[in-house]
Every structure is written in structure tokens, then in C-alpha cells.
Amino acid sequence: MDRKTPGSAGGDASTVRDVAKRAGVSASTVSRVLGGTYPVAAATRTRVLRAMRDLDYVVNAHARALGGATNKTVAFVVDDVTGPFYAHVARGVEEQASAEGRLCMLCTTHGDPQRVLAVVEMMREQRADAVIVVGGAWEDKAYQDRMMHFAHALDRAGSRLVLVGRPPLGPGVPATVVEYDNEGGAFAMTTHLLSSGHQRIAYLGAVPGLSTSRQRTDGFRRAHEMLGLAPDPKLIREGDFTRSYGYRGTRELLADGVDFTAIFAGTDMVAAGAMQALREGGLRVPDDVSVVGYDDVPVAIDVVPALTTVSIPHEELGRTAVRLALHRDDFPESQHQVLGTHIVVRDSTRRPGR
């Protein structure tokens, strides 16, 4: 089926004519449906809406008909609102949105990539000022292609796709990107462990296909390579970013009998589960095994001993995302920001063999 690319040459009149031709009605009838101010027969309206949907002009045409109006809302899209990482970023988003006179709408996806796409589409229809998607991206071409499509569609509707804690979609894609130095944080933490004498470091929480996890394991590997070392593949364990996986993964490490003196957990929650499993296995942290995490969320100082971890500027990520998206015309050259990370050394690490 031939499709006219949304936003291609021809302007608004061309778009209306395309829809009219597809629906078998006049351009003026399409305009009446868009405006909603004149009565249109139900069957005719259905044909027009179906044609607009087929041509992917639903939001674009509607937004243009309303003069590009938005609804003064910032949408915040996360996997799980109870996750401390998301909660802290959300605080920054809400504070900045409030300062900018916007309402903040929270949408959860429960880790389902298809749900992310559905929510972004819904917010496009609602004409949110910005749609802020937080957390790692699934490195799947079909998923990435759909996100690129939505970035362009939101842009045409006068809105903005904002990616927080995930990489850009590619050159020329109209999206605001606010990352943190994810790989650099993992590199710094691994270097800290290696320079302290740990050469057998287990990595728990390598999530296949997730950008956040890939960047952290890249930093882990790069630190080893810099010192001429190769991490033992048996010590890099796949799993999710939960406390329950940290517990289970550590139990499996101990049951397998592999030698290690430190655990680098993919998140602080994974680290908390790992520390529980070590205690139950009769091992002391850090006397027998050092443990480090990533994120620096409250659990890092609630566990005993307090956790050495990589600190992320959570709230600043949220504030920066809203500020750049809403003022993108003022800062066109600053739509991709990378914020710094740093390690926080607490009581869960020490040199091995002391």
C-alpha cells in the first residue's frame, strides 16, 4: 500500500487532501471532522478517522487544526513507580514541571517494551508537551524504529520525546536525550576494586538486550582490559535488576563453587540481595567478600554494612530533561546532555586477605 510520509512536502492542505481521498469525502468534510464544530454523519466521521489513522495523521492534523496547542502536561513513563531509581528521577521531573506551570502525568509500563510504545502513542494523542521515557532501552531494531517514528510524530505535533538514562536514537532524530556516564561509572568502580587487589570479581545482573546493563558490563570489561586482565566468563551472571535476583544469583555462585573475592552488583537492589545470601552462607561483608552496587539509592545506606556504590544525579536528570524539552528552541545545541557519575566508598569493601 502506498503511504504518503507524514510531514512531507505539500503542507496542511496536501495532508487534508490525502485523507479526503482515502476516505472518499471532500477536503471540507475532513476539516469539519478535525475541527469538531460542524455536524458530520457518524459513518462519514468513522471513514475519515480510519483514513487519518491509516495515514498516521491523526495527531498531526488535529494538533495543526488546533494551532499547535498542547495540554500543559508532561508525561513521565517508567517501568515501575516503586523502584527507587525511578522515584528519585520522578521527583526532579515533578519539581521542574511544576516550576514550568505543567502538570506531571505518571505512566507505568511494568518492563514491557510494547507497553512503552503504547503509552508514547497515547501521550501523542493527548498532545502532552513532552513525553519523558526513563530507564534503559531494549536494543531491538523494531523497537528502536518505532521509537524513532514516535519521536518524529511527537515533533510534528509540537511535542517532544525525551530519553532519560538511555542512548540517542540516531542522528537527525528530534528527541531530547539526558544520559549519565553509565559506562564510566562502572569502569571507575571496577578499577577501584581491581586496584584494591580484587582480581576475581563476580558481576551480577547482566540483562541481555538492555542498554543500561550493556553499558555497565562494558565498563566492567574495559577496566579489566586496561590492566591487562580478562574477566572470567563464569563470573558474569545474567539476571534482572531486583533484590530477589541478587539473592538467587549469589546463592548460585556459592553453589557452583567458583572463586571470587568481590561482587559488583548491577544495581543497589541486586547488591542488597547478594549481601543477604552471603550472610546466610556464613560469609562476612567485607571481611570475606566485598560488595558494590550501582545507583546510590536509599537502600545503599540502609544495608549493613553501608554499601559502596556508583552515585547517579537522579533528580538533576529529571530537572534537566524537563527544562531542555520545554525550552528546546532556546537551547537547540544542548539537546543531548551527559551528566557525571562518581563512586561513593562506604563500608562494604576492603582489600582482600586483610
Protein backbone atom coordinates (compact mmCIF):
# COMPACT_ATOMS: atom_id res chain seq x y z
CA MET A 1 0.00 0.00 0.00
CA ASP A 2 1.34 3.44 -0.98
CA ARG A 3 1.65 5.78 2.00
CA LYS A 4 2.47 9.43 1.97
CA THR A 5 5.17 10.16 4.54
CA PRO A 6 3.73 12.33 7.33
CA GLY A 7 5.03 15.84 7.20
CA SER A 8 6.29 15.54 3.62
CA ALA A 9 6.08 18.31 1.07
CA GLY A 10 2.65 19.65 0.37
CA GLY A 11 1.71 21.29 3.69
CA ASP A 12 -1.57 21.07 5.62
CA ALA A 13 -3.83 21.26 2.51
CA SER A 14 -1.98 18.30 0.98
CA THR A 15 -2.49 16.31 4.16
CA VAL A 16 -6.20 17.04 4.19
CA ARG A 17 -6.49 16.08 0.53
CA ASP A 18 -4.70 12.77 1.18
CA VAL A 19 -7.12 11.94 3.99
CA ALA A 20 -10.10 13.05 1.92
CA LYS A 21 -9.04 10.87 -0.98
CA ARG A 22 -8.53 7.85 1.28
CA ALA A 23 -11.93 8.36 2.95
CA GLY A 24 -13.79 9.19 -0.26
CA VAL A 25 -15.01 12.56 1.04
CA SER A 26 -14.30 16.21 0.37
CA ALA A 27 -11.46 18.14 1.99
CA SER A 28 -14.00 20.36 3.71
CA THR A 29 -15.57 17.31 5.34
CA VAL A 30 -12.18 16.29 6.73
CA SER A 31 -11.75 19.82 8.11
CA ARG A 32 -15.15 19.58 9.82
CA VAL A 33 -14.14 16.31 11.47
CA LEU A 34 -10.86 17.84 12.63
CA GLY A 35 -12.49 20.97 13.99
CA GLY A 36 -15.42 19.19 15.59
CA THR A 37 -17.58 22.30 15.27
CA TYR A 38 -19.92 21.12 12.47
CA PRO A 39 -22.16 18.03 12.46
CA VAL A 40 -20.86 15.12 10.37
CA ALA A 41 -22.70 11.86 9.78
CA ALA A 42 -21.38 9.09 12.04
CA ALA A 43 -20.49 6.79 9.15
CA THR A 44 -18.63 9.58 7.37
CA ARG A 45 -16.76 10.55 10.52
CA THR A 46 -15.73 6.91 11.00
CA ARG A 47 -14.34 6.75 7.44
CA VAL A 48 -12.36 9.97 7.96
CA LEU A 49 -10.91 8.84 11.28
CA ARG A 50 -9.95 5.49 9.77
CA ALA A 51 -8.20 7.21 6.87
CA MET A 52 -6.35 9.54 9.24
CA ARG A 53 -5.23 6.55 11.29
CA ASP A 54 -4.09 4.65 8.20
CA LEU A 55 -2.05 7.64 7.06
CA ASP A 56 -0.71 8.26 10.59
CA TYR A 57 -2.06 11.80 10.54
CA VAL A 58 -4.41 11.61 13.49
CA VAL A 59 -2.43 13.64 15.97
CA ASN A 60 -0.52 15.73 13.48
CA ALA A 61 -3.61 17.02 11.70
CA HIS A 62 -5.53 17.51 14.93
CA ALA A 63 -2.69 19.44 16.54
CA ARG A 64 -2.34 21.67 13.49
CA ALA A 65 -6.07 22.29 13.40
CA LEU A 66 -5.83 23.47 16.99
CA GLY A 67 -2.98 25.80 16.15
CA GLY A 68 -0.35 23.53 17.69
CA ALA A 69 -1.97 23.70 21.13
CA THR A 70 -0.76 21.31 23.83
CA ASN A 71 -2.40 20.37 27.09
CA LYS A 72 0.22 21.74 29.53
CA THR A 73 1.15 18.22 30.60
CA VAL A 74 4.48 16.45 30.92
CA ALA A 75 4.20 12.66 30.73
CA PHE A 76 6.65 10.59 32.78
CA VAL A 77 6.99 6.98 31.56
CA VAL A 78 8.70 4.43 33.84
CA ASP A 79 8.87 0.68 34.30
CA ASP A 80 7.89 0.63 37.96
CA VAL A 81 6.91 3.63 40.11
CA THR A 82 8.02 1.79 43.27
CA GLY A 83 11.62 1.46 42.04
CA PRO A 84 13.84 3.93 43.95
CA PHE A 85 15.78 4.90 40.81
CA TYR A 86 12.58 5.97 39.06
CA ALA A 87 11.14 7.61 42.17
CA HIS A 88 14.12 9.94 42.54
CA VAL A 89 14.16 10.90 38.86
CA ALA A 90 10.40 11.47 39.13
CA ARG A 91 10.94 13.97 41.93
CA GLY A 92 13.17 16.05 39.69
CA VAL A 93 10.67 15.84 36.81
CA GLU A 94 7.76 16.87 39.03
CA GLU A 95 9.64 19.79 40.62
CA GLN A 96 10.73 21.22 37.27
CA ALA A 97 7.35 20.59 35.62
CA SER A 98 5.63 22.43 38.46
CA ALA A 99 8.06 25.34 38.15
CA GLU A 100 7.24 25.47 34.43
CA GLY A 101 3.48 25.52 35.06
CA ARG A 102 2.90 21.97 33.81
CA LEU A 103 1.09 19.03 35.29
CA CYS A 104 3.05 15.79 35.56
CA MET A 105 1.31 12.59 34.41
CA LEU A 106 2.84 9.29 35.55
CA CYS A 107 2.60 6.21 33.31
CA THR A 108 3.99 2.77 34.19
CA THR A 109 4.98 0.05 31.73
CA HIS A 110 5.97 -2.86 34.02
CA GLY A 111 9.06 -3.52 31.93
CA ASP A 112 7.07 -4.33 28.78
CA PRO A 113 8.66 -2.73 25.67
CA GLN A 114 5.33 -2.90 23.81
CA ARG A 115 3.64 -1.07 26.67
CA VAL A 116 6.25 1.70 26.35
CA LEU A 117 5.31 2.15 22.70
CA ALA A 118 1.60 2.11 23.51
CA VAL A 119 1.99 4.75 26.23
CA VAL A 120 4.05 7.03 23.98
CA GLU A 121 1.36 6.73 21.30
CA MET A 122 -1.34 7.56 23.86
CA MET A 123 0.53 10.65 25.03
CA ARG A 124 0.94 11.71 21.42
CA GLU A 125 -2.83 11.61 21.07
CA GLN A 126 -3.20 13.58 24.31
CA ARG A 127 -0.81 16.27 22.98
CA ALA A 128 1.48 16.27 26.02
CA ASP A 129 4.17 18.98 25.93
CA ALA A 130 6.82 16.33 26.49
CA VAL A 131 6.91 12.54 26.85
CA ILE A 132 9.79 11.54 29.12
CA VAL A 133 10.81 7.88 28.89
CA VAL A 134 13.13 6.83 31.72
CA GLY A 135 15.43 3.84 32.02
CA GLY A 136 17.37 1.55 29.73
CA ALA A 137 16.30 0.93 26.14
CA TRP A 138 15.75 -2.50 24.65
CA GLU A 139 18.33 -2.94 21.89
CA ASP A 140 15.89 -4.35 19.36
CA LYS A 141 15.70 -2.84 15.86
CA ALA A 142 11.91 -2.99 15.58
CA TYR A 143 11.56 -1.29 18.97
CA GLN A 144 14.13 1.38 18.07
CA ASP A 145 12.42 2.01 14.71
CA ARG A 146 9.08 2.57 16.43
CA MET A 147 10.65 4.97 18.94
CA MET A 148 12.20 6.91 16.05
CA HIS A 149 8.79 7.04 14.40
CA PHE A 150 7.20 8.41 17.56
CA ALA A 151 9.98 10.98 18.01
CA HIS A 152 9.17 12.42 14.58
CA ALA A 153 5.41 12.18 15.15
CA LEU A 154 5.63 13.97 18.51
CA ASP A 155 7.79 16.66 16.94
CA ARG A 156 5.25 17.27 14.20
CA ALA A 157 2.53 17.57 16.83
CA GLY A 158 4.50 20.24 18.71
CA SER A 159 5.54 17.84 21.47
CA ARG A 160 8.88 16.27 22.33
CA LEU A 161 10.22 12.79 23.05
CA VAL A 162 12.71 12.86 25.93
CA LEU A 163 15.00 9.93 26.67
CA VAL A 164 16.46 9.76 30.19
CA GLY A 165 19.16 7.25 31.05
CA ARG A 166 19.19 5.77 27.56
CA PRO A 167 21.25 6.49 24.43
CA PRO A 168 20.14 8.66 21.46
CA LEU A 169 18.07 7.08 18.71
CA GLY A 170 20.39 8.31 15.97
CA PRO A 171 21.42 11.42 14.04
CA GLY A 172 18.63 13.70 12.94
CA VAL A 173 16.01 12.22 15.30
CA PRO A 174 14.14 15.07 17.05
CA ALA A 175 14.47 13.95 20.66
CA THR A 176 15.98 15.35 23.85
CA VAL A 177 18.48 12.97 25.48
CA VAL A 178 19.69 13.26 29.07
CA GLU A 179 22.10 10.47 29.95
CA TYR A 180 24.53 9.84 32.76
CA ASP A 181 28.01 8.37 32.36
CA ASN A 182 26.81 4.82 32.86
CA GLU A 183 29.80 3.00 31.40
CA GLY A 184 32.22 5.42 33.06
CA GLY A 185 30.69 4.77 36.47
CA ALA A 186 31.08 1.00 36.07
CA PHE A 187 34.63 1.49 34.80
CA ALA A 188 35.54 3.63 37.84
CA MET A 189 34.01 1.16 40.29
CA THR A 190 35.69 -1.86 38.71
CA THR A 191 39.01 -0.01 38.65
CA HIS A 192 38.56 0.74 42.37
CA LEU A 193 38.08 -2.96 43.11
CA LEU A 194 40.96 -4.09 40.90
CA SER A 195 43.34 -1.53 42.34
CA SER A 196 42.37 -2.73 45.82
CA GLY A 197 43.64 -6.20 44.90
CA HIS A 198 40.43 -7.92 43.78
CA GLN A 199 41.11 -9.91 40.62
CA ARG A 200 38.20 -12.35 40.90
CA ILE A 201 35.15 -10.07 40.68
CA ALA A 202 31.71 -11.53 40.04
CA TYR A 203 29.25 -9.36 38.10
CA LEU A 204 25.58 -9.99 38.96
CA GLY A 205 22.72 -8.61 36.86
CA ALA A 206 23.76 -8.64 33.21
CA VAL A 207 20.39 -8.10 31.49
CA PRO A 208 20.54 -9.25 27.83
CA GLY A 209 19.43 -6.62 25.33
CA LEU A 210 19.11 -3.73 27.83
CA SER A 211 21.26 -0.67 27.12
CA THR A 212 21.81 0.15 30.81
CA SER A 213 23.16 -3.31 31.52
CA ARG A 214 25.31 -3.43 28.39
CA GLN A 215 26.96 -0.10 29.26
CA ARG A 216 27.72 -1.26 32.80
CA THR A 217 29.20 -4.56 31.69
CA ASP A 218 31.19 -2.68 29.01
CA GLY A 219 32.72 -0.53 31.75
CA PHE A 220 33.39 -3.64 33.84
CA ARG A 221 35.21 -5.34 30.96
CA ARG A 222 37.10 -2.20 29.90
CA ALA A 223 38.57 -1.74 33.39
CA HIS A 224 39.91 -5.29 33.29
CA GLU A 225 41.35 -4.81 29.81
CA MET A 226 43.11 -1.60 30.83
CA LEU A 227 45.06 -3.60 33.41
CA GLY A 228 45.74 -6.47 31.03
CA LEU A 229 43.22 -8.76 32.70
CA ALA A 230 40.35 -10.81 31.31
CA PRO A 231 37.22 -11.28 33.48
CA ASP A 232 36.27 -14.91 33.98
CA PRO A 233 33.10 -15.55 31.90
CA LYS A 234 31.84 -17.85 34.69
CA LEU A 235 31.72 -14.85 37.00
CA ILE A 236 29.45 -12.73 34.76
CA ARG A 237 25.91 -13.79 35.53
CA GLU A 238 22.74 -12.88 33.63
CA GLY A 239 19.77 -11.72 35.68
CA ASP A 240 17.45 -8.80 36.31
CA PHE A 241 17.87 -5.68 38.44
CA THR A 242 15.98 -6.95 41.51
CA ARG A 243 16.85 -7.82 45.09
CA SER A 244 15.43 -11.31 44.61
CA TYR A 245 17.80 -11.93 41.71
CA GLY A 246 20.76 -10.67 43.77
CA TYR A 247 19.91 -13.21 46.44
CA ARG A 248 19.31 -16.05 43.98
CA GLY A 249 22.33 -15.23 41.82
CA THR A 250 24.66 -15.17 44.82
CA ARG A 251 23.31 -18.49 46.08
CA GLU A 252 24.06 -19.94 42.65
CA LEU A 253 27.59 -18.53 42.68
CA LEU A 254 28.25 -20.15 46.05
CA ALA A 255 26.70 -23.45 44.96
CA ASP A 256 28.84 -23.51 41.80
CA GLY A 257 31.98 -23.27 43.90
CA VAL A 258 33.62 -20.57 41.74
CA ASP A 259 36.30 -18.47 43.43
CA PHE A 260 35.62 -14.75 43.91
CA THR A 261 36.59 -12.06 46.40
CA ALA A 262 34.15 -9.32 45.33
CA ILE A 263 30.71 -8.88 43.81
CA PHE A 264 29.81 -5.99 41.53
CA ALA A 265 26.01 -5.90 41.59
CA GLY A 266 24.22 -4.33 38.62
CA THR A 267 22.12 -2.18 41.00
CA ASP A 268 21.98 -1.44 44.71
CA MET A 269 18.89 -3.63 44.97
CA VAL A 270 20.83 -6.56 43.49
CA ALA A 271 23.61 -5.81 45.99
CA ALA A 272 21.17 -5.93 48.94
CA GLY A 273 20.02 -9.40 47.88
CA ALA A 274 23.62 -10.53 47.40
CA MET A 275 24.59 -9.39 50.91
CA GLN A 276 21.70 -11.33 52.42
CA ALA A 277 22.73 -14.50 50.58
CA LEU A 278 26.37 -14.09 51.68
CA ARG A 279 25.34 -13.71 55.32
CA GLU A 280 23.16 -16.81 55.12
CA GLY A 281 26.10 -18.64 53.53
CA GLY A 282 28.29 -17.84 56.54
CA LEU A 283 30.37 -15.16 54.73
CA ARG A 284 31.09 -11.70 56.11
CA VAL A 285 30.96 -8.45 54.13
CA PRO A 286 33.55 -7.08 53.59
CA ASP A 287 35.89 -9.40 55.53
CA ASP A 288 35.30 -12.38 53.25
CA VAL A 289 33.66 -10.78 50.19
CA SER A 290 33.48 -7.14 49.15
CA VAL A 291 30.19 -5.98 47.59
CA VAL A 292 29.48 -2.89 45.49
CA GLY A 293 26.36 -1.63 43.76
CA TYR A 294 25.16 0.98 41.32
CA ASP A 295 22.61 3.86 41.68
CA ASP A 296 23.16 5.16 45.26
CA VAL A 297 19.51 4.87 46.27
CA PRO A 298 18.44 4.81 49.97
CA VAL A 299 18.96 1.05 50.34
CA ALA A 300 22.71 1.72 49.91
CA ILE A 301 22.92 3.32 53.35
CA ASP A 302 20.18 1.20 54.93
CA VAL A 303 22.02 -2.10 54.49
CA VAL A 304 24.71 -3.20 56.95
CA PRO A 305 27.48 -2.58 56.21
CA ALA A 306 26.71 0.57 54.20
CA LEU A 307 27.18 -0.07 50.50
CA THR A 308 29.98 1.22 48.27
CA THR A 309 28.23 2.25 45.07
CA VAL A 310 28.12 4.46 41.98
CA SER A 311 26.16 7.65 42.56
CA ILE A 312 23.81 8.94 39.84
CA PRO A 313 22.38 12.52 39.86
CA HIS A 314 18.78 11.26 39.82
CA GLU A 315 16.88 14.46 40.48
CA GLU A 316 19.11 16.52 38.20
CA LEU A 317 18.37 14.05 35.40
CA GLY A 318 14.65 14.76 35.82
CA ARG A 319 15.01 18.53 36.11
CA THR A 320 17.33 18.74 33.11
CA ALA A 321 15.01 16.59 31.00
CA VAL A 322 12.02 18.87 31.55
CA ARG A 323 13.99 22.10 31.21
CA LEU A 324 15.65 21.15 27.92
CA ALA A 325 12.47 19.72 26.39
CA LEU A 326 10.26 22.71 27.19
CA HIS A 327 12.90 25.23 26.13
CA ARG A 328 14.34 23.33 23.19
CA ASP A 329 14.07 26.36 20.89
CA ASP A 330 16.28 28.31 23.32
CA PHE A 331 18.86 25.52 23.60
CA PRO A 332 18.90 23.77 20.20
CA GLU A 333 22.56 22.77 20.55
CA SER A 334 22.13 21.33 24.05
CA GLN A 335 19.54 18.63 23.44
CA HIS A 336 21.95 15.82 24.33
CA GLN A 337 23.40 16.06 27.83
CA VAL A 338 25.59 13.53 29.65
CA LEU A 339 25.71 14.05 33.42
CA GLY A 340 28.58 12.75 35.52
CA THR A 341 28.66 9.84 37.96
CA HIS A 342 31.07 9.13 40.82
CA ILE A 343 31.81 6.31 43.22
CA VAL A 344 30.95 6.57 46.90
CA VAL A 345 33.18 4.40 49.08
CA ARG A 346 31.46 3.11 52.22
CA ASP A 347 31.95 0.07 54.45
CA SER A 348 31.16 -2.87 52.14
CA THR A 349 34.61 -3.03 50.51
CA ARG A 350 38.17 -3.67 51.65
CA ARG A 351 41.35 -5.18 50.30
CA PRO A 352 41.16 -9.00 50.07
CA GLY A 353 43.07 -11.12 52.55
CA ARG A 354 43.39 -8.49 55.27
